[in-house]
Amino acid sequence: MRIVNPYVSVDCVLLGFDGERLNVLVVRQTNREGNVDTGCYKLPGSLIYMDEGLDEAAQRVLKQLTGLVQVKMFQFKAFGGVDRLADSKDSVWLERFHNLDHHLERIVTIAYLSLLRIDRKMTLDDGFEAHWIPVNDIPRLAFDHNDIVSEAVTSVRRMTTLDPTMLFGLLPRKFTAAQLRVVMENVAGISIDIKNFHKKLATMPYVVPLDEKEEGVKHRAARYFKFKSVNRR
């Protein structure tokens, strides 16, 4: 049996909420004329460099490809399937991106996850374009990135069941009850009864009502709320 020394990479799953649906950030390379490369969309990712750790590599990737800095991320799973480079177009893209003069056989990736506000400003590298795409409408991504996104959503559902306050990373600093309910429905993948939700809202010590309401809306103006950190013993 032949032993392979695989390359190590990081891929970043950034999930955001647009007010209606849960989205994931994907990138695609463009050529020198600014035209879109024929390659598939992919998660922001890269092989790691010899002089950096995994966390450093993840932060570098985001800054390099999207301009985002100081994003709170955490590792949630490693992916090392033998068929990750089954599509030759993916391996060619990777070899070209890193200016490699040899063929890659195996890559193990450490996947990172972050929940962030979708309105965070991005400064894209000239060679890339980035888009927020609803997780339920994702096209075929490069490598096994569809599987990585799916695993990320599953992880978020599990973690927010234990700690619902994680969801507030997706919301604006002040939000309505409806926005919070829709976020919870998207992440949990279920419908929540509106009347029961308002009762539940009153039992959340980390949700504080504000003396502010929506302005310039045609429907009845809704009250705003904010998230308040609560010490847990």
C-alpha atoms as a PDB file:
ATOM      1  CA  MET A   1       0.000   0.000   0.000  1.00  0.00           C
ATOM      2  CA  ARG A   2       1.464   3.342  -1.076  1.00  0.00           C
ATOM      3  CA  ILE A   3       1.741   6.027   1.608  1.00  0.00           C
ATOM      4  CA  VAL A   4       0.808   9.530   0.457  1.00  0.00           C
ATOM      5  CA  ASN A   5       1.927  12.723   2.154  1.00  0.00           C
ATOM      6  CA  PRO A   6      -1.088  14.997   1.493  1.00  0.00           C
ATOM      7  CA  TYR A   7      -1.171  18.752   1.281  1.00  0.00           C
ATOM      8  CA  VAL A   8      -3.104  20.617   3.965  1.00  0.00           C
ATOM      9  CA  SER A   9      -5.539  23.422   3.191  1.00  0.00           C
ATOM     10  CA  VAL A  10      -8.142  25.557   4.948  1.00  0.00           C
ATOM     11  CA  ASP A  11     -11.624  26.356   3.658  1.00  0.00           C
ATOM     12  CA  CYS A  12     -13.862  28.992   5.232  1.00  0.00           C
ATOM     13  CA  VAL A  13     -17.648  28.713   5.448  1.00  0.00           C
ATOM     14  CA  LEU A  14     -19.091  32.166   6.112  1.00  0.00           C
ATOM     15  CA  LEU A  15     -22.826  32.092   6.768  1.00  0.00           C
ATOM     16  CA  GLY A  16     -24.903  35.266   6.670  1.00  0.00           C
ATOM     17  CA  PHE A  17     -28.591  36.197   6.832  1.00  0.00           C
ATOM     18  CA  ASP A  18     -30.137  38.567   4.257  1.00  0.00           C
ATOM     19  CA  GLY A  19     -33.394  39.119   6.158  1.00  0.00           C
ATOM     20  CA  GLU A  20     -35.145  36.178   4.560  1.00  0.00           C
ATOM     21  CA  ARG A  21     -32.695  33.339   3.956  1.00  0.00           C
ATOM     22  CA  LEU A  22     -29.424  31.882   5.187  1.00  0.00           C
ATOM     23  CA  ASN A  23     -26.593  32.536   2.715  1.00  0.00           C
ATOM     24  CA  VAL A  24     -23.032  31.333   2.205  1.00  0.00           C
ATOM     25  CA  LEU A  25     -20.184  33.388   0.753  1.00  0.00           C
ATOM     26  CA  VAL A  26     -18.527  31.905  -2.347  1.00  0.00           C
ATOM     27  CA  VAL A  27     -15.764  33.237  -4.584  1.00  0.00           C
ATOM     28  CA  ARG A  28     -14.687  32.803  -8.178  1.00  0.00           C
ATOM     29  CA  GLN A  29     -11.472  33.807  -9.915  1.00  0.00           C
ATOM     30  CA  THR A  30     -11.436  36.238 -12.855  1.00  0.00           C
ATOM     31  CA  ASN A  31      -8.833  36.611 -15.562  1.00  0.00           C
ATOM     32  CA  ARG A  32      -6.682  39.637 -16.261  1.00  0.00           C
ATOM     33  CA  GLU A  33      -9.332  41.238 -18.462  1.00  0.00           C
ATOM     34  CA  GLY A  34     -11.842  41.048 -15.628  1.00  0.00           C
ATOM     35  CA  ASN A  35     -13.874  38.307 -17.276  1.00  0.00           C
ATOM     36  CA  VAL A  36     -15.177  35.502 -15.096  1.00  0.00           C
ATOM     37  CA  ASP A  37     -13.163  32.317 -15.096  1.00  0.00           C
ATOM     38  CA  THR A  38     -15.062  29.283 -16.361  1.00  0.00           C
ATOM     39  CA  GLY A  39     -14.297  27.511 -13.098  1.00  0.00           C
ATOM     40  CA  CYS A  40     -16.958  26.810 -10.482  1.00  0.00           C
ATOM     41  CA  TYR A  41     -17.636  28.912  -7.445  1.00  0.00           C
ATOM     42  CA  LYS A  42     -15.755  27.741  -4.384  1.00  0.00           C
ATOM     43  CA  LEU A  43     -15.418  28.510  -0.718  1.00  0.00           C
ATOM     44  CA  PRO A  44     -12.652  30.939   0.232  1.00  0.00           C
ATOM     45  CA  GLY A  45      -9.706  28.642   0.800  1.00  0.00           C
ATOM     46  CA  SER A  46      -6.030  27.975   0.221  1.00  0.00           C
ATOM     47  CA  LEU A  47      -3.193  25.595   0.884  1.00  0.00           C
ATOM     48  CA  ILE A  48      -1.379  26.590   4.071  1.00  0.00           C
ATOM     49  CA  TYR A  49       2.102  28.074   3.957  1.00  0.00           C
ATOM     50  CA  MET A  50       5.096  26.601   5.742  1.00  0.00           C
ATOM     51  CA  ASP A  51       5.428  29.569   8.103  1.00  0.00           C
ATOM     52  CA  GLU A  52       1.806  29.818   9.305  1.00  0.00           C
ATOM     53  CA  GLY A  53      -0.575  27.907  11.524  1.00  0.00           C
ATOM     54  CA  LEU A  54      -4.079  26.839  10.566  1.00  0.00           C
ATOM     55  CA  ASP A  55      -5.831  29.795  12.222  1.00  0.00           C
ATOM     56  CA  GLU A  56      -3.387  32.211  10.595  1.00  0.00           C
ATOM     57  CA  ALA A  57      -4.009  30.620   7.204  1.00  0.00           C
ATOM     58  CA  ALA A  58      -7.797  30.971   7.578  1.00  0.00           C
ATOM     59  CA  GLN A  59      -7.500  34.664   8.436  1.00  0.00           C
ATOM     60  CA  ARG A  60      -5.065  35.210   5.542  1.00  0.00           C
ATOM     61  CA  VAL A  61      -7.459  33.576   3.102  1.00  0.00           C
ATOM     62  CA  LEU A  62     -10.309  35.882   4.064  1.00  0.00           C
ATOM     63  CA  LYS A  63      -8.171  39.004   3.913  1.00  0.00           C
ATOM     64  CA  GLN A  64      -6.607  37.983   0.604  1.00  0.00           C
ATOM     65  CA  LEU A  65      -9.805  36.958  -1.182  1.00  0.00           C
ATOM     66  CA  THR A  66     -12.498  39.119   0.437  1.00  0.00           C
ATOM     67  CA  GLY A  67     -10.772  41.849   2.426  1.00  0.00           C
ATOM     68  CA  LEU A  68     -12.512  40.720   5.613  1.00  0.00           C
ATOM     69  CA  VAL A  69     -10.401  40.951   8.754  1.00  0.00           C
ATOM     70  CA  GLN A  70     -10.820  39.981  12.398  1.00  0.00           C
ATOM     71  CA  VAL A  71     -13.557  37.478  11.613  1.00  0.00           C
ATOM     72  CA  LYS A  72     -14.317  35.109  14.496  1.00  0.00           C
ATOM     73  CA  MET A  73     -14.043  31.573  13.123  1.00  0.00           C
ATOM     74  CA  PHE A  74     -13.657  28.120  14.563  1.00  0.00           C
ATOM     75  CA  GLN A  75     -12.731  24.725  13.166  1.00  0.00           C
ATOM     76  CA  PHE A  76     -15.665  22.378  12.796  1.00  0.00           C
ATOM     77  CA  LYS A  77     -14.463  19.425  10.722  1.00  0.00           C
ATOM     78  CA  ALA A  78     -11.643  17.975   8.606  1.00  0.00           C
ATOM     79  CA  PHE A  79     -12.285  16.667   5.094  1.00  0.00           C
ATOM     80  CA  GLY A  80      -9.913  14.195   3.449  1.00  0.00           C
ATOM     81  CA  GLY A  81     -11.848  12.029   1.022  1.00  0.00           C
ATOM     82  CA  VAL A  82      -9.734  10.219  -1.570  1.00  0.00           C
ATOM     83  CA  ASP A  83     -11.830  11.704  -4.397  1.00  0.00           C
ATOM     84  CA  ARG A  84     -11.535  15.376  -3.415  1.00  0.00           C
ATOM     85  CA  LEU A  85      -9.484  16.013  -6.581  1.00  0.00           C
ATOM     86  CA  ALA A  86     -11.479  13.673  -8.815  1.00  0.00           C
ATOM     87  CA  ASP A  87     -12.390  16.532 -11.171  1.00  0.00           C
ATOM     88  CA  SER A  88      -9.250  17.458 -13.090  1.00  0.00           C
ATOM     89  CA  LYS A  89     -10.498  21.044 -13.528  1.00  0.00           C
ATOM     90  CA  ASP A  90     -10.342  21.534  -9.769  1.00  0.00           C
ATOM     91  CA  SER A  91      -6.781  20.271  -9.442  1.00  0.00           C
ATOM     92  CA  VAL A  92      -5.651  22.360 -12.451  1.00  0.00           C
ATOM     93  CA  TRP A  93      -7.183  25.475 -10.899  1.00  0.00           C
ATOM     94  CA  LEU A  94      -5.470  24.816  -7.585  1.00  0.00           C
ATOM     95  CA  GLU A  95      -2.086  24.166  -9.175  1.00  0.00           C
ATOM     96  CA  ARG A  96      -2.400  27.349 -11.234  1.00  0.00           C
ATOM     97  CA  PHE A  97      -3.559  29.426  -8.252  1.00  0.00           C
ATOM     98  CA  HIS A  98      -0.512  28.389  -6.199  1.00  0.00           C
ATOM     99  CA  ASN A  99       1.909  28.375  -9.170  1.00  0.00           C
ATOM    100  CA  LEU A 100       2.791  24.733  -8.582  1.00  0.00           C
ATOM    101  CA  ASP A 101       4.959  22.867 -11.061  1.00  0.00           C
ATOM    102  CA  HIS A 102       3.719  19.411 -10.067  1.00  0.00           C
ATOM    103  CA  HIS A 103       0.428  17.538  -9.878  1.00  0.00           C
ATOM    104  CA  LEU A 104      -1.470  17.353  -6.588  1.00  0.00           C
ATOM    105  CA  GLU A 105      -2.738  13.935  -5.570  1.00  0.00           C
ATOM    106  CA  ARG A 106      -4.290  14.398  -2.126  1.00  0.00           C
ATOM    107  CA  ILE A 107      -5.456  17.352  -0.031  1.00  0.00           C
ATOM    108  CA  VAL A 108      -6.809  17.323   3.494  1.00  0.00           C
ATOM    109  CA  THR A 109      -8.718  20.485   4.395  1.00  0.00           C
ATOM    110  CA  ILE A 110      -9.532  21.914   7.797  1.00  0.00           C
ATOM    111  CA  ALA A 111     -12.896  23.649   7.541  1.00  0.00           C
ATOM    112  CA  TYR A 112     -13.639  26.841   9.448  1.00  0.00           C
ATOM    113  CA  LEU A 113     -17.060  28.274  10.224  1.00  0.00           C
ATOM    114  CA  SER A 114     -18.298  31.771  11.023  1.00  0.00           C
ATOM    115  CA  LEU A 115     -21.673  33.460  11.452  1.00  0.00           C
ATOM    116  CA  LEU A 116     -21.520  37.118  10.499  1.00  0.00           C
ATOM    117  CA  ARG A 117     -23.638  40.044   9.407  1.00  0.00           C
ATOM    118  CA  ILE A 118     -24.113  39.964   5.672  1.00  0.00           C
ATOM    119  CA  ASP A 119     -23.605  43.731   5.386  1.00  0.00           C
ATOM    120  CA  ARG A 120     -19.934  43.584   6.397  1.00  0.00           C
ATOM    121  CA  LYS A 121     -17.964  45.476   3.788  1.00  0.00           C
ATOM    122  CA  MET A 122     -15.710  43.438   1.527  1.00  0.00           C
ATOM    123  CA  THR A 123     -12.714  44.687  -0.440  1.00  0.00           C
ATOM    124  CA  LEU A 124     -12.135  42.153  -3.169  1.00  0.00           C
ATOM    125  CA  ASP A 125      -8.810  41.309  -4.727  1.00  0.00           C
ATOM    126  CA  ASP A 126      -8.722  42.370  -8.389  1.00  0.00           C
ATOM    127  CA  GLY A 127      -8.599  38.744  -9.446  1.00  0.00           C
ATOM    128  CA  PHE A 128     -11.768  37.627  -7.661  1.00  0.00           C
ATOM    129  CA  GLU A 129     -15.484  38.143  -7.381  1.00  0.00           C
ATOM    130  CA  ALA A 130     -17.563  37.117  -4.374  1.00  0.00           C
ATOM    131  CA  HIS A 131     -21.277  36.475  -3.913  1.00  0.00           C
ATOM    132  CA  TRP A 132     -23.671  35.592  -1.121  1.00  0.00           C
ATOM    133  CA  ILE A 133     -25.783  32.642  -2.299  1.00  0.00           C
ATOM    134  CA  PRO A 134     -28.763  31.115  -0.404  1.00  0.00           C
ATOM    135  CA  VAL A 135     -27.671  27.771   1.036  1.00  0.00           C
ATOM    136  CA  ASN A 136     -30.762  26.104  -0.460  1.00  0.00           C
ATOM    137  CA  ASP A 137     -29.893  27.354  -3.974  1.00  0.00           C
ATOM    138  CA  ILE A 138     -26.182  26.609  -4.162  1.00  0.00           C
ATOM    139  CA  PRO A 139     -24.963  25.440  -7.585  1.00  0.00           C
ATOM    140  CA  ARG A 140     -22.262  22.803  -7.933  1.00  0.00           C
ATOM    141  CA  LEU A 141     -19.185  24.086  -6.155  1.00  0.00           C
ATOM    142  CA  ALA A 142     -15.587  23.046  -6.747  1.00  0.00           C
ATOM    143  CA  PHE A 143     -14.008  20.095  -4.933  1.00  0.00           C
ATOM    144  CA  ASP A 144     -16.327  18.771  -2.184  1.00  0.00           C
ATOM    145  CA  HIS A 145     -17.389  22.233  -1.084  1.00  0.00           C
ATOM    146  CA  ASN A 146     -21.111  21.419  -1.353  1.00  0.00           C
ATOM    147  CA  ASP A 147     -20.569  18.729   1.275  1.00  0.00           C
ATOM    148  CA  ILE A 148     -18.592  21.156   3.442  1.00  0.00           C
ATOM    149  CA  VAL A 149     -21.417  23.725   3.360  1.00  0.00           C
ATOM    150  CA  SER A 150     -23.971  21.036   4.198  1.00  0.00           C
ATOM    151  CA  GLU A 151     -21.889  19.878   7.163  1.00  0.00           C
ATOM    152  CA  ALA A 152     -21.491  23.491   8.293  1.00  0.00           C
ATOM    153  CA  VAL A 153     -25.251  24.070   8.356  1.00  0.00           C
ATOM    154  CA  THR A 154     -25.732  20.825  10.283  1.00  0.00           C
ATOM    155  CA  SER A 155     -23.092  21.941  12.789  1.00  0.00           C
ATOM    156  CA  VAL A 156     -24.755  25.339  13.233  1.00  0.00           C
ATOM    157  CA  ARG A 157     -28.125  23.696  13.865  1.00  0.00           C
ATOM    158  CA  ARG A 158     -26.607  21.474  16.514  1.00  0.00           C
ATOM    159  CA  MET A 159     -24.629  24.233  18.202  1.00  0.00           C
ATOM    160  CA  THR A 160     -27.414  26.821  18.244  1.00  0.00           C
ATOM    161  CA  THR A 161     -29.721  24.291  19.855  1.00  0.00           C
ATOM    162  CA  LEU A 162     -27.293  24.252  22.783  1.00  0.00           C
ATOM    163  CA  ASP A 163     -26.462  27.968  22.600  1.00  0.00           C
ATOM    164  CA  PRO A 164     -29.116  30.067  20.782  1.00  0.00           C
ATOM    165  CA  THR A 165     -27.121  33.265  21.393  1.00  0.00           C
ATOM    166  CA  MET A 166     -24.830  32.263  18.512  1.00  0.00           C
ATOM    167  CA  LEU A 167     -27.634  33.318  16.162  1.00  0.00           C
ATOM    168  CA  PHE A 168     -27.186  36.965  17.035  1.00  0.00           C
ATOM    169  CA  GLY A 169     -24.017  37.051  14.973  1.00  0.00           C
ATOM    170  CA  LEU A 170     -26.308  36.886  11.924  1.00  0.00           C
ATOM    171  CA  LEU A 171     -28.608  39.766  12.911  1.00  0.00           C
ATOM    172  CA  PRO A 172     -28.183  43.546  12.776  1.00  0.00           C
ATOM    173  CA  ARG A 173     -27.425  45.254  16.083  1.00  0.00           C
ATOM    174  CA  LYS A 174     -31.117  46.072  16.491  1.00  0.00           C
ATOM    175  CA  PHE A 175     -33.686  43.686  15.065  1.00  0.00           C
ATOM    176  CA  THR A 176     -37.383  42.870  15.114  1.00  0.00           C
ATOM    177  CA  ALA A 177     -38.994  39.781  16.587  1.00  0.00           C
ATOM    178  CA  ALA A 178     -39.878  38.703  13.050  1.00  0.00           C
ATOM    179  CA  GLN A 179     -36.235  38.876  11.961  1.00  0.00           C
ATOM    180  CA  LEU A 180     -35.152  36.752  14.916  1.00  0.00           C
ATOM    181  CA  ARG A 181     -37.912  34.216  14.252  1.00  0.00           C
ATOM    182  CA  VAL A 182     -37.004  33.917  10.554  1.00  0.00           C
ATOM    183  CA  VAL A 183     -33.322  33.428  11.428  1.00  0.00           C
ATOM    184  CA  MET A 184     -34.239  30.659  13.848  1.00  0.00           C
ATOM    185  CA  GLU A 185     -36.503  29.025  11.238  1.00  0.00           C
ATOM    186  CA  ASN A 186     -33.742  29.127   8.604  1.00  0.00           C
ATOM    187  CA  VAL A 187     -31.093  27.653  10.848  1.00  0.00           C
ATOM    188  CA  ALA A 188     -33.347  25.021  12.416  1.00  0.00           C
ATOM    189  CA  GLY A 189     -35.004  24.170   9.097  1.00  0.00           C
ATOM    190  CA  ILE A 190     -38.503  24.263  10.622  1.00  0.00           C
ATOM    191  CA  SER A 191     -41.480  26.619  10.835  1.00  0.00           C
ATOM    192  CA  ILE A 192     -42.137  28.360  14.155  1.00  0.00           C
ATOM    193  CA  ASP A 193     -45.625  29.339  15.287  1.00  0.00           C
ATOM    194  CA  ILE A 194     -45.757  33.139  15.560  1.00  0.00           C
ATOM    195  CA  LYS A 195     -47.932  33.314  18.694  1.00  0.00           C
ATOM    196  CA  ASN A 196     -45.849  30.762  20.566  1.00  0.00           C
ATOM    197  CA  PHE A 197     -42.676  32.515  19.469  1.00  0.00           C
ATOM    198  CA  HIS A 198     -43.706  35.810  21.047  1.00  0.00           C
ATOM    199  CA  LYS A 199     -44.334  33.971  24.311  1.00  0.00           C
ATOM    200  CA  LYS A 200     -40.923  32.337  24.039  1.00  0.00           C
ATOM    201  CA  LEU A 201     -39.316  35.691  23.275  1.00  0.00           C
ATOM    202  CA  ALA A 202     -40.427  37.021  26.664  1.00  0.00           C
ATOM    203  CA  THR A 203     -38.484  34.207  28.376  1.00  0.00           C
ATOM    204  CA  MET A 204     -35.174  35.005  26.654  1.00  0.00           C
ATOM    205  CA  PRO A 205     -33.017  36.982  29.122  1.00  0.00           C
ATOM    206  CA  TYR A 206     -30.557  37.841  26.361  1.00  0.00           C
ATOM    207  CA  VAL A 207     -33.175  39.624  24.182  1.00  0.00           C
ATOM    208  CA  VAL A 208     -33.915  43.181  25.369  1.00  0.00           C
ATOM    209  CA  PRO A 209     -36.753  45.339  23.956  1.00  0.00           C
ATOM    210  CA  LEU A 210     -35.848  48.870  22.859  1.00  0.00           C
ATOM    211  CA  ASP A 211     -37.919  52.061  22.905  1.00  0.00           C
ATOM    212  CA  GLU A 212     -37.646  52.164  19.129  1.00  0.00           C
ATOM    213  CA  LYS A 213     -39.862  50.992  16.287  1.00  0.00           C
ATOM    214  CA  GLU A 214     -39.543  50.597  12.553  1.00  0.00           C
ATOM    215  CA  GLU A 215     -39.998  53.732  10.478  1.00  0.00           C
ATOM    216  CA  GLY A 216     -41.271  54.215   6.949  1.00  0.00           C
ATOM    217  CA  VAL A 217     -42.981  50.816   6.709  1.00  0.00           C
ATOM    218  CA  LYS A 218     -46.447  50.187   5.260  1.00  0.00           C
ATOM    219  CA  HIS A 219     -47.348  47.577   7.853  1.00  0.00           C
ATOM    220  CA  ARG A 220     -47.695  48.122  11.579  1.00  0.00           C
ATOM    221  CA  ALA A 221     -44.319  49.278  12.889  1.00  0.00           C
ATOM    222  CA  ALA A 222     -42.582  46.547  14.863  1.00  0.00           C
ATOM    223  CA  ARG A 223     -40.549  47.116  18.016  1.00  0.00           C
ATOM    224  CA  TYR A 224     -36.808  46.709  17.884  1.00  0.00           C
ATOM    225  CA  PHE A 225     -34.818  44.443  20.170  1.00  0.00           C
ATOM    226  CA  LYS A 226     -31.121  44.030  20.915  1.00  0.00           C
ATOM    227  CA  PHE A 227     -28.943  41.202  22.133  1.00  0.00           C
ATOM    228  CA  LYS A 228     -27.574  41.405  25.668  1.00  0.00           C
ATOM    229  CA  SER A 229     -24.785  39.164  26.869  1.00  0.00           C
ATOM    230  CA  VAL A 230     -25.787  37.112  29.901  1.00  0.00           C
ATOM    231  CA  ASN A 231     -23.308  35.525  32.266  1.00  0.00           C
ATOM    232  CA  ARG A 232     -23.885  31.795  32.598  1.00  0.00           C
ATOM    233  CA  ARG A 233     -22.892  29.823  35.678  1.00  0.00           C
END
